[in-house]
Every structure is written in C-alpha cells, then in structure tokens.
Amino acid sequence: MGRMQKNDAVSPVVGVMLMLVVTIIIAAVVSAFAGGFSKETTKAPQATIRGTYSITGGMIIEHTGGDPIGTPSIKVIVHPAESFGTSTHVIDTVNMSTITDSSGAQWLKDNGLFGVKTFRAGDSAYVLPPYHEAPYLQPSASYVSWFNNTANVGKTFWIEMLDPRGKMIAKTEVTIDP
C-alpha cells in the first residue's frame, strides 16, 4: 500500500484568502469614494462682506476679508430677510453692469466685457442711484417689499455672493436706512 495524502487544509486556506481579497477591494472602493477620488471638487472662495443700503444714497458692498473673488464667475443676489414677513422667498440677481468700483468702473461693461475682474479685501462695490431702486435691483419684487420703499426703513435684507455652482462665497444682512 502507499501513503495517504491529506488535502483537508487547502480548502479553508483558500477561503480565508478569498475573503481577505474581497475585504481589501471593498475597503479600497469605499476609501476612494470617501476621499473624493470619484470626482474632482474645488472649494469656493470664502470672503467676508459688509453691506449698507440707503434709500437716497444706494447700496455699498465692502470686501472686509478673505479670498479675492473673481467677478466674472460670481452671482450677486439680494432677498428680503425675516423682517419682511412672507416676502423672504423673493430672490433677485443683481445686474453686474449696475455694480461699480470706487473709480466708477463697471463690473460688467455695456459691451459685455468685465471692467473689474477681481473683488479683493479692502475693495468696495457700489450700486448707485437709480440702480439701487426696485425696478433695477428687485425686478421681481412687489411694492411692499421694495428696499427703496420708505415704509421699509429699519427692515433688513440679505446680500449673497455665489460661485457658478451656487455655493456661498459671502453673505451679509443689511439694514435699510433712509
């Protein structure tokens, strides 16, 4: 007779190895998705702004700190705050050609080219009369929620700057002055 060979230990070892390989593959896939491997993400610039609004003098937006903001790639919006009651859902995009810098240069020129390309810390932007009034600044708002309505002195609204994906860059609450 010959010797007997035992192959019992081969099956459990192969099973354990397969389980380890599957576990490692699953861990790699989860790690890749959690780490952002699946798609590139770019962070929106972050800035701090302060706004003022006067019914007679217009609107001023000051860049008080943070990243420089490329004006061709942002959207500036305004909308009533809670002090306006049920009008808070009315959101208007500010026409970039109505915004100027301290020298009077338009952010967006009438020919469609950008005159002011960057909004940096220390800079101020202006929406001067008559462009701070409702037909220009708030074309979709009703009279009761117009910022230039004298009945709204003391109420507040929001100015927001958004990147092209709609991510918040900066936001400030502004009180309406006479």
C-alpha atoms as a PDB file:
ATOM      1  CA  MET A   1       0.000   0.000   0.000  1.00  0.00           C
ATOM      2  CA  GLY A   2       1.063   3.579  -0.380  1.00  0.00           C
ATOM      3  CA  ARG A   3       0.949   6.625   1.710  1.00  0.00           C
ATOM      4  CA  MET A   4      -2.265   8.561   2.102  1.00  0.00           C
ATOM      5  CA  GLN A   5      -2.264  12.223   1.264  1.00  0.00           C
ATOM      6  CA  LYS A   6      -4.416  14.661   3.161  1.00  0.00           C
ATOM      7  CA  ASN A   7      -5.700  17.748   1.328  1.00  0.00           C
ATOM      8  CA  ASP A   8      -8.139  18.894   4.011  1.00  0.00           C
ATOM      9  CA  ALA A   9      -6.275  22.107   4.914  1.00  0.00           C
ATOM     10  CA  VAL A  10      -6.233  23.554   1.379  1.00  0.00           C
ATOM     11  CA  SER A  11      -9.933  24.475   1.213  1.00  0.00           C
ATOM     12  CA  PRO A  12     -10.069  26.619   4.419  1.00  0.00           C
ATOM     13  CA  VAL A  13      -6.855  28.463   3.483  1.00  0.00           C
ATOM     14  CA  VAL A  14      -8.192  29.336   0.007  1.00  0.00           C
ATOM     15  CA  GLY A  15     -11.482  30.505   1.548  1.00  0.00           C
ATOM     16  CA  VAL A  16      -9.737  32.783   4.038  1.00  0.00           C
ATOM     17  CA  MET A  17      -7.531  34.249   1.283  1.00  0.00           C
ATOM     18  CA  LEU A  18     -10.563  34.985  -0.918  1.00  0.00           C
ATOM     19  CA  MET A  19     -12.340  36.718   1.973  1.00  0.00           C
ATOM     20  CA  LEU A  20      -9.260  38.872   2.618  1.00  0.00           C
ATOM     21  CA  VAL A  21      -9.022  39.883  -1.053  1.00  0.00           C
ATOM     22  CA  VAL A  22     -12.726  40.795  -1.205  1.00  0.00           C
ATOM     23  CA  THR A  23     -12.437  42.809   2.040  1.00  0.00           C
ATOM     24  CA  ILE A  24      -9.414  44.721   0.740  1.00  0.00           C
ATOM     25  CA  ILE A  25     -11.177  45.536  -2.556  1.00  0.00           C
ATOM     26  CA  ILE A  26     -14.290  46.779  -0.752  1.00  0.00           C
ATOM     27  CA  ALA A  27     -12.150  48.910   1.598  1.00  0.00           C
ATOM     28  CA  ALA A  28     -10.301  50.432  -1.387  1.00  0.00           C
ATOM     29  CA  VAL A  29     -13.550  51.316  -3.192  1.00  0.00           C
ATOM     30  CA  VAL A  30     -15.092  52.901  -0.068  1.00  0.00           C
ATOM     31  CA  SER A  31     -11.890  54.830   0.625  1.00  0.00           C
ATOM     32  CA  ALA A  32     -11.730  56.106  -2.959  1.00  0.00           C
ATOM     33  CA  PHE A  33     -15.295  57.464  -2.844  1.00  0.00           C
ATOM     34  CA  ALA A  34     -14.945  58.900   0.657  1.00  0.00           C
ATOM     35  CA  GLY A  35     -11.674  60.584  -0.267  1.00  0.00           C
ATOM     36  CA  GLY A  36     -13.082  62.281  -3.338  1.00  0.00           C
ATOM     37  CA  PHE A  37     -11.355  60.011  -5.833  1.00  0.00           C
ATOM     38  CA  SER A  38     -14.597  59.633  -7.775  1.00  0.00           C
ATOM     39  CA  LYS A  39     -14.838  63.315  -8.767  1.00  0.00           C
ATOM     40  CA  GLU A  40     -12.795  66.454  -8.513  1.00  0.00           C
ATOM     41  CA  THR A  41     -14.128  69.084  -6.136  1.00  0.00           C
ATOM     42  CA  THR A  42     -12.984  72.665  -5.984  1.00  0.00           C
ATOM     43  CA  LYS A  43     -13.673  74.792  -2.983  1.00  0.00           C
ATOM     44  CA  ALA A  44     -15.464  78.086  -3.481  1.00  0.00           C
ATOM     45  CA  PRO A  45     -13.528  81.154  -2.340  1.00  0.00           C
ATOM     46  CA  GLN A  46     -14.574  82.400   1.082  1.00  0.00           C
ATOM     47  CA  ALA A  47     -14.898  86.075   1.958  1.00  0.00           C
ATOM     48  CA  THR A  48     -16.453  88.389   4.496  1.00  0.00           C
ATOM     49  CA  ILE A  49     -18.556  91.271   3.222  1.00  0.00           C
ATOM     50  CA  ARG A  50     -20.416  94.130   4.838  1.00  0.00           C
ATOM     51  CA  GLY A  51     -23.252  95.965   3.159  1.00  0.00           C
ATOM     52  CA  THR A  52     -25.023  99.260   3.629  1.00  0.00           C
ATOM     53  CA  TYR A  53     -28.171 100.497   1.941  1.00  0.00           C
ATOM     54  CA  SER A  54     -29.665 103.963   1.895  1.00  0.00           C
ATOM     55  CA  ILE A  55     -32.912 104.808   0.124  1.00  0.00           C
ATOM     56  CA  THR A  56     -31.328 108.081  -1.022  1.00  0.00           C
ATOM     57  CA  GLY A  57     -27.684 107.024  -1.439  1.00  0.00           C
ATOM     58  CA  GLY A  58     -27.659 103.498  -2.842  1.00  0.00           C
ATOM     59  CA  MET A  59     -26.017 100.238  -1.821  1.00  0.00           C
ATOM     60  CA  ILE A  60     -22.372  99.618  -0.891  1.00  0.00           C
ATOM     61  CA  ILE A  61     -20.733  96.202  -0.536  1.00  0.00           C
ATOM     62  CA  GLU A  62     -17.374  96.148   1.248  1.00  0.00           C
ATOM     63  CA  HIS A  63     -14.987  93.179   0.996  1.00  0.00           C
ATOM     64  CA  THR A  64     -13.675  93.103   4.573  1.00  0.00           C
ATOM     65  CA  GLY A  65     -11.508  89.982   4.384  1.00  0.00           C
ATOM     66  CA  GLY A  66     -10.884  86.577   2.911  1.00  0.00           C
ATOM     67  CA  ASP A  67     -10.123  85.349  -0.586  1.00  0.00           C
ATOM     68  CA  PRO A  68     -10.120  87.552  -3.681  1.00  0.00           C
ATOM     69  CA  ILE A  69     -13.295  86.986  -5.694  1.00  0.00           C
ATOM     70  CA  GLY A  70     -13.260  86.807  -9.487  1.00  0.00           C
ATOM     71  CA  THR A  71     -16.180  88.997 -10.566  1.00  0.00           C
ATOM     72  CA  PRO A  72     -16.755  87.231 -13.922  1.00  0.00           C
ATOM     73  CA  SER A  73     -17.505  83.975 -12.107  1.00  0.00           C
ATOM     74  CA  ILE A  74     -19.913  85.110  -9.382  1.00  0.00           C
ATOM     75  CA  LYS A  75     -23.552  85.950  -8.973  1.00  0.00           C
ATOM     76  CA  VAL A  76     -24.693  88.645  -6.526  1.00  0.00           C
ATOM     77  CA  ILE A  77     -28.217  88.165  -5.204  1.00  0.00           C
ATOM     78  CA  VAL A  78     -30.455  90.119  -2.841  1.00  0.00           C
ATOM     79  CA  HIS A  79     -33.531  88.967  -0.961  1.00  0.00           C
ATOM     80  CA  PRO A  80     -35.643  90.234   1.936  1.00  0.00           C
ATOM     81  CA  ALA A  81     -34.837  88.950   5.426  1.00  0.00           C
ATOM     82  CA  GLU A  82     -37.363  87.738   8.010  1.00  0.00           C
ATOM     83  CA  SER A  83     -38.339  91.337   8.882  1.00  0.00           C
ATOM     84  CA  PHE A  84     -40.258  91.413   5.560  1.00  0.00           C
ATOM     85  CA  GLY A  85     -42.510  88.539   6.654  1.00  0.00           C
ATOM     86  CA  THR A  86     -43.844  86.467   3.752  1.00  0.00           C
ATOM     87  CA  SER A  87     -41.666  88.184   1.101  1.00  0.00           C
ATOM     88  CA  THR A  88     -38.480  86.280   2.047  1.00  0.00           C
ATOM     89  CA  HIS A  89     -38.841  83.930  -0.943  1.00  0.00           C
ATOM     90  CA  VAL A  90     -38.330  86.750  -3.487  1.00  0.00           C
ATOM     91  CA  ILE A  91     -34.740  86.452  -4.738  1.00  0.00           C
ATOM     92  CA  ASP A  92     -33.269  88.805  -7.340  1.00  0.00           C
ATOM     93  CA  THR A  93     -29.938  88.657  -9.140  1.00  0.00           C
ATOM     94  CA  VAL A  94     -28.122  91.985  -9.237  1.00  0.00           C
ATOM     95  CA  ASN A  95     -27.313  93.121 -12.775  1.00  0.00           C
ATOM     96  CA  MET A  96     -23.486  93.133 -12.823  1.00  0.00           C
ATOM     97  CA  SER A  97     -23.435  96.230 -15.073  1.00  0.00           C
ATOM     98  CA  THR A  98     -25.056  98.261 -12.260  1.00  0.00           C
ATOM     99  CA  ILE A  99     -22.176  97.490  -9.866  1.00  0.00           C
ATOM    100  CA  THR A 100     -19.182  99.844  -9.951  1.00  0.00           C
ATOM    101  CA  ASP A 101     -15.912 100.182  -8.073  1.00  0.00           C
ATOM    102  CA  SER A 102     -14.696 103.333  -6.267  1.00  0.00           C
ATOM    103  CA  SER A 103     -13.460 104.844  -9.551  1.00  0.00           C
ATOM    104  CA  GLY A 104     -16.830 104.305 -11.250  1.00  0.00           C
ATOM    105  CA  ALA A 105     -15.663 101.362 -13.401  1.00  0.00           C
ATOM    106  CA  GLN A 106     -18.498  98.911 -14.062  1.00  0.00           C
ATOM    107  CA  TRP A 107     -18.001  95.311 -13.019  1.00  0.00           C
ATOM    108  CA  LEU A 108     -19.610  94.327 -16.330  1.00  0.00           C
ATOM    109  CA  LYS A 109     -19.254  96.887 -19.114  1.00  0.00           C
ATOM    110  CA  ASP A 110     -22.089  97.663 -21.503  1.00  0.00           C
ATOM    111  CA  ASN A 111     -20.155  95.842 -24.278  1.00  0.00           C
ATOM    112  CA  GLY A 112     -20.295  92.583 -22.272  1.00  0.00           C
ATOM    113  CA  LEU A 113     -16.651  92.615 -21.139  1.00  0.00           C
ATOM    114  CA  PHE A 114     -15.673  92.717 -17.488  1.00  0.00           C
ATOM    115  CA  GLY A 115     -14.172  96.015 -16.375  1.00  0.00           C
ATOM    116  CA  VAL A 116     -13.491  94.935 -12.793  1.00  0.00           C
ATOM    117  CA  LYS A 117     -12.186  91.380 -12.730  1.00  0.00           C
ATOM    118  CA  THR A 118     -11.372  90.922  -9.040  1.00  0.00           C
ATOM    119  CA  PHE A 119     -13.043  91.996  -5.794  1.00  0.00           C
ATOM    120  CA  ARG A 120     -10.344  91.994  -3.070  1.00  0.00           C
ATOM    121  CA  ALA A 121     -10.241  92.638   0.661  1.00  0.00           C
ATOM    122  CA  GLY A 122     -10.395  96.412   1.161  1.00  0.00           C
ATOM    123  CA  ASP A 123     -12.384  96.996  -2.056  1.00  0.00           C
ATOM    124  CA  SER A 124     -15.885  98.453  -2.143  1.00  0.00           C
ATOM    125  CA  ALA A 125     -18.579  97.926  -4.751  1.00  0.00           C
ATOM    126  CA  TYR A 126     -21.394 100.380  -5.354  1.00  0.00           C
ATOM    127  CA  VAL A 127     -24.925 100.188  -6.718  1.00  0.00           C
ATOM    128  CA  LEU A 128     -25.689 103.880  -7.002  1.00  0.00           C
ATOM    129  CA  PRO A 129     -28.964 105.698  -7.755  1.00  0.00           C
ATOM    130  CA  PRO A 130     -31.090 104.971  -9.662  1.00  0.00           C
ATOM    131  CA  TYR A 131     -29.860 101.363  -9.934  1.00  0.00           C
ATOM    132  CA  HIS A 132     -30.425 100.641  -6.230  1.00  0.00           C
ATOM    133  CA  GLU A 133     -34.166 101.135  -6.719  1.00  0.00           C
ATOM    134  CA  ALA A 134     -36.656  98.318  -7.163  1.00  0.00           C
ATOM    135  CA  PRO A 135     -37.096  98.266 -10.956  1.00  0.00           C
ATOM    136  CA  TYR A 136     -33.344  97.635 -11.311  1.00  0.00           C
ATOM    137  CA  LEU A 137     -32.289  95.915  -8.075  1.00  0.00           C
ATOM    138  CA  GLN A 138     -35.505  93.990  -7.410  1.00  0.00           C
ATOM    139  CA  PRO A 139     -37.361  93.488 -10.694  1.00  0.00           C
ATOM    140  CA  SER A 140     -39.457  90.607  -9.354  1.00  0.00           C
ATOM    141  CA  ALA A 141     -40.470  92.224  -6.035  1.00  0.00           C
ATOM    142  CA  SER A 142     -43.784  93.854  -5.227  1.00  0.00           C
ATOM    143  CA  TYR A 143     -44.027  97.417  -3.901  1.00  0.00           C
ATOM    144  CA  VAL A 144     -44.426  96.295  -0.269  1.00  0.00           C
ATOM    145  CA  SER A 145     -41.043  94.529  -0.341  1.00  0.00           C
ATOM    146  CA  TRP A 146     -39.058  97.141  -2.303  1.00  0.00           C
ATOM    147  CA  PHE A 147     -35.962  98.139  -0.368  1.00  0.00           C
ATOM    148  CA  ASN A 148     -36.429 101.766  -1.518  1.00  0.00           C
ATOM    149  CA  ASN A 149     -39.976 101.902  -0.085  1.00  0.00           C
ATOM    150  CA  THR A 150     -39.803 104.337   2.884  1.00  0.00           C
ATOM    151  CA  ALA A 151     -42.140 102.045   4.847  1.00  0.00           C
ATOM    152  CA  ASN A 152     -39.258  99.515   4.952  1.00  0.00           C
ATOM    153  CA  VAL A 153     -36.699 101.722   6.716  1.00  0.00           C
ATOM    154  CA  GLY A 154     -35.216  99.670   9.561  1.00  0.00           C
ATOM    155  CA  LYS A 155     -36.011  96.327   7.932  1.00  0.00           C
ATOM    156  CA  THR A 156     -33.224  94.080   6.697  1.00  0.00           C
ATOM    157  CA  PHE A 157     -32.313  92.132   3.578  1.00  0.00           C
ATOM    158  CA  TRP A 158     -29.525  89.759   2.554  1.00  0.00           C
ATOM    159  CA  ILE A 159     -26.743  90.255   0.027  1.00  0.00           C
ATOM    160  CA  GLU A 160     -25.147  86.985  -1.086  1.00  0.00           C
ATOM    161  CA  MET A 161     -22.292  86.184  -3.440  1.00  0.00           C
ATOM    162  CA  LEU A 162     -22.387  82.757  -5.068  1.00  0.00           C
ATOM    163  CA  ASP A 163     -19.935  80.854  -7.241  1.00  0.00           C
ATOM    164  CA  PRO A 164     -21.071  79.334 -10.581  1.00  0.00           C
ATOM    165  CA  ARG A 165     -22.196  76.126  -8.813  1.00  0.00           C
ATOM    166  CA  GLY A 166     -24.358  78.137  -6.404  1.00  0.00           C
ATOM    167  CA  LYS A 167     -22.001  77.668  -3.436  1.00  0.00           C
ATOM    168  CA  MET A 168     -21.928  80.515  -0.937  1.00  0.00           C
ATOM    169  CA  ILE A 169     -18.867  82.783  -1.076  1.00  0.00           C
ATOM    170  CA  ALA A 170     -20.121  85.537   1.223  1.00  0.00           C
ATOM    171  CA  LYS A 171     -23.334  86.700   2.875  1.00  0.00           C
ATOM    172  CA  THR A 172     -24.323  89.735   4.909  1.00  0.00           C
ATOM    173  CA  GLU A 173     -27.516  91.147   6.370  1.00  0.00           C
ATOM    174  CA  VAL A 174     -28.136  94.809   5.561  1.00  0.00           C
ATOM    175  CA  THR A 175     -30.360  97.311   7.348  1.00  0.00           C
ATOM    176  CA  ILE A 176     -32.330  99.758   5.181  1.00  0.00           C
ATOM    177  CA  ASP A 177     -31.521 103.371   6.084  1.00  0.00           C
ATOM    178  CA  PRO A 178     -33.434 106.482   4.938  1.00  0.00           C
END
